[in-house]
Amino acid sequence: MLRRLAAGYFGGAVGAVVASLALWVAARAGLLAELGVDLNPPLSWAWLSPRILWGGLWGLGIPLVLRRGLSPVRAGLLLSLGPSLAQLFYFFPQRGANLLGVAHGPLTPLVVLAVNAIWGWTLARVVLAVGGSASAPSEK
């Protein structure tokens, strides 16, 4: 069980780095501006470190979701709804961006869902790569 949790935390942290870089690149390339989404994250440790911590913590849920019989990728995508809902219904309103973050633009919720889907997909791929699958009933 400890190995699966460690794989989930590691996968979530790696997923957070990948998803954060994807968001940063999309902002720098002007894609977010084209969508009318006013998110312009800096590529700094102060911005990235909490995302890595939260990504790892959310990744701890992957063994529970995998036990439902889903494939790892589907489990990662399902799990990505958790951080998406937290961002849209808690963190954005706390920071004055209104419910769903619509103060940043009407397509902000879709951007959040897409970035967190990247996180979930990466989480699943890392968990598969390091062997943290929940399909084995016992570990040696």
Protein backbone atom coordinates (compact mmCIF):
# COMPACT_ATOMS: atom_id res chain seq x y z
CA MET A 1 0.00 0.00 0.00
CA LEU A 2 2.85 2.39 0.81
CA ARG A 3 4.33 1.84 -2.65
CA ARG A 4 1.01 2.72 -4.29
CA LEU A 5 0.67 5.88 -2.20
CA ALA A 6 4.26 6.89 -2.97
CA ALA A 7 3.64 6.28 -6.68
CA GLY A 8 0.48 8.38 -6.47
CA TYR A 9 2.24 11.26 -4.73
CA PHE A 10 5.17 11.15 -7.14
CA GLY A 11 2.87 10.89 -10.16
CA GLY A 12 0.76 13.77 -8.90
CA ALA A 13 3.84 15.94 -8.37
CA VAL A 14 5.21 15.14 -11.83
CA GLY A 15 1.76 15.72 -13.29
CA ALA A 16 1.66 19.13 -11.62
CA VAL A 17 4.97 20.10 -13.20
CA VAL A 18 3.84 18.94 -16.65
CA ALA A 19 0.41 20.60 -16.38
CA SER A 20 1.92 23.82 -15.03
CA LEU A 21 4.42 23.96 -17.88
CA ALA A 22 1.61 23.33 -20.36
CA LEU A 23 -0.37 26.24 -18.89
CA TRP A 24 2.69 28.49 -18.91
CA VAL A 25 3.52 27.59 -22.54
CA ALA A 26 -0.10 28.15 -23.59
CA ALA A 27 -0.02 31.59 -21.98
CA ARG A 28 3.33 32.50 -23.54
CA ALA A 29 2.24 31.29 -26.97
CA GLY A 30 -0.85 33.51 -26.80
CA LEU A 31 -3.30 30.61 -26.85
CA LEU A 32 -4.99 31.69 -23.63
CA ALA A 33 -5.29 35.26 -24.90
CA GLU A 34 -6.86 33.94 -28.11
CA LEU A 35 -9.43 32.12 -25.98
CA GLY A 36 -10.12 35.28 -24.01
CA VAL A 37 -8.67 33.81 -20.83
CA ASP A 38 -6.66 36.27 -18.76
CA LEU A 39 -4.27 33.88 -17.04
CA ASN A 40 -0.60 34.76 -17.26
CA PRO A 41 1.29 32.62 -14.73
CA PRO A 42 4.94 33.35 -14.05
CA LEU A 43 7.38 30.49 -14.32
CA SER A 44 8.76 30.83 -10.81
CA TRP A 45 9.35 28.59 -7.83
CA ALA A 46 6.80 30.61 -5.83
CA TRP A 47 4.11 29.74 -8.39
CA LEU A 48 5.22 26.17 -9.07
CA SER A 49 5.92 24.82 -5.57
CA PRO A 50 2.36 24.95 -4.20
CA ARG A 51 1.12 23.34 -7.42
CA ILE A 52 3.61 20.48 -6.96
CA LEU A 53 2.55 20.00 -3.34
CA TRP A 54 -1.18 20.02 -4.17
CA GLY A 55 -0.63 17.80 -7.21
CA GLY A 56 1.11 15.24 -5.05
CA LEU A 57 -1.58 15.35 -2.39
CA TRP A 58 -4.36 14.91 -4.95
CA GLY A 59 -2.33 12.07 -6.48
CA LEU A 60 -2.63 10.13 -3.22
CA GLY A 61 -6.21 9.35 -4.26
CA ILE A 62 -5.22 7.28 -7.29
CA PRO A 63 -5.15 3.91 -5.45
CA LEU A 64 -8.74 4.49 -4.30
CA VAL A 65 -9.94 5.37 -7.78
CA LEU A 66 -8.08 2.45 -9.36
CA ARG A 67 -9.88 0.05 -7.02
CA ARG A 68 -13.11 0.96 -8.81
CA GLY A 69 -11.94 -1.10 -11.79
CA LEU A 70 -11.09 1.82 -14.06
CA SER A 71 -8.07 1.85 -16.31
CA PRO A 72 -5.25 4.01 -14.93
CA VAL A 73 -5.78 6.75 -17.51
CA ARG A 74 -9.53 6.89 -16.86
CA ALA A 75 -8.82 6.89 -13.12
CA GLY A 76 -6.40 9.78 -13.54
CA LEU A 77 -8.89 11.75 -15.61
CA LEU A 78 -11.67 11.08 -13.10
CA LEU A 79 -9.39 12.12 -10.25
CA SER A 80 -8.53 15.33 -12.13
CA LEU A 81 -12.08 16.52 -11.52
CA GLY A 82 -11.22 16.99 -7.82
CA PRO A 83 -8.57 19.69 -8.29
CA SER A 84 -10.65 21.23 -11.07
CA LEU A 85 -13.66 21.62 -8.79
CA ALA A 86 -11.45 22.94 -5.98
CA GLN A 87 -9.95 25.56 -8.31
CA LEU A 88 -13.27 26.61 -9.83
CA PHE A 89 -15.42 26.65 -6.69
CA TYR A 90 -12.92 27.47 -3.92
CA PHE A 91 -9.60 28.96 -5.01
CA PHE A 92 -10.87 31.30 -7.75
CA PRO A 93 -13.62 32.80 -5.57
CA GLN A 94 -11.17 33.16 -2.65
CA ARG A 95 -8.88 35.20 -4.91
CA GLY A 96 -11.66 37.43 -6.20
CA ALA A 97 -12.00 35.78 -9.62
CA ASN A 98 -15.66 34.94 -9.03
CA LEU A 99 -17.24 31.50 -9.14
CA LEU A 100 -15.69 29.35 -11.90
CA GLY A 101 -13.01 32.01 -12.41
CA VAL A 102 -15.10 33.83 -14.99
CA ALA A 103 -13.41 37.11 -14.05
CA HIS A 104 -10.48 35.71 -16.06
CA GLY A 105 -12.69 35.03 -19.08
CA PRO A 106 -15.70 32.91 -19.97
CA LEU A 107 -13.61 29.93 -21.15
CA THR A 108 -11.56 29.76 -17.95
CA PRO A 109 -13.43 26.68 -16.66
CA LEU A 110 -12.55 24.79 -19.84
CA VAL A 111 -8.89 25.77 -19.52
CA VAL A 112 -8.88 24.58 -15.90
CA LEU A 113 -10.47 21.26 -16.89
CA ALA A 114 -7.96 20.81 -19.74
CA VAL A 115 -4.92 21.61 -17.59
CA ASN A 116 -6.10 19.25 -14.87
CA ALA A 117 -6.82 16.56 -17.47
CA ILE A 118 -3.14 16.85 -18.46
CA TRP A 119 -2.30 16.43 -14.77
CA GLY A 120 -4.53 13.32 -14.48
CA TRP A 121 -3.18 11.75 -17.65
CA THR A 122 0.42 12.34 -16.53
CA LEU A 123 -0.38 11.00 -13.06
CA ALA A 124 -1.71 7.77 -14.58
CA ARG A 125 1.26 7.35 -16.92
CA VAL A 126 3.76 7.88 -14.09
CA VAL A 127 1.91 5.47 -11.78
CA LEU A 128 1.99 2.85 -14.53
CA ALA A 129 5.69 3.49 -15.18
CA VAL A 130 6.78 3.15 -11.56
CA GLY A 131 4.59 0.13 -10.92
CA GLY A 132 2.22 1.65 -8.42
CA SER A 133 -0.80 -0.10 -9.93
CA ALA A 134 -3.58 -1.02 -7.52
CA SER A 135 -4.47 -4.14 -9.47
CA ALA A 136 -2.10 -6.39 -7.54
CA PRO A 137 -3.71 -7.47 -4.25
CA SER A 138 -0.40 -7.72 -2.44
CA GLU A 139 3.09 -6.41 -2.95
CA LYS A 140 6.33 -8.22 -2.39
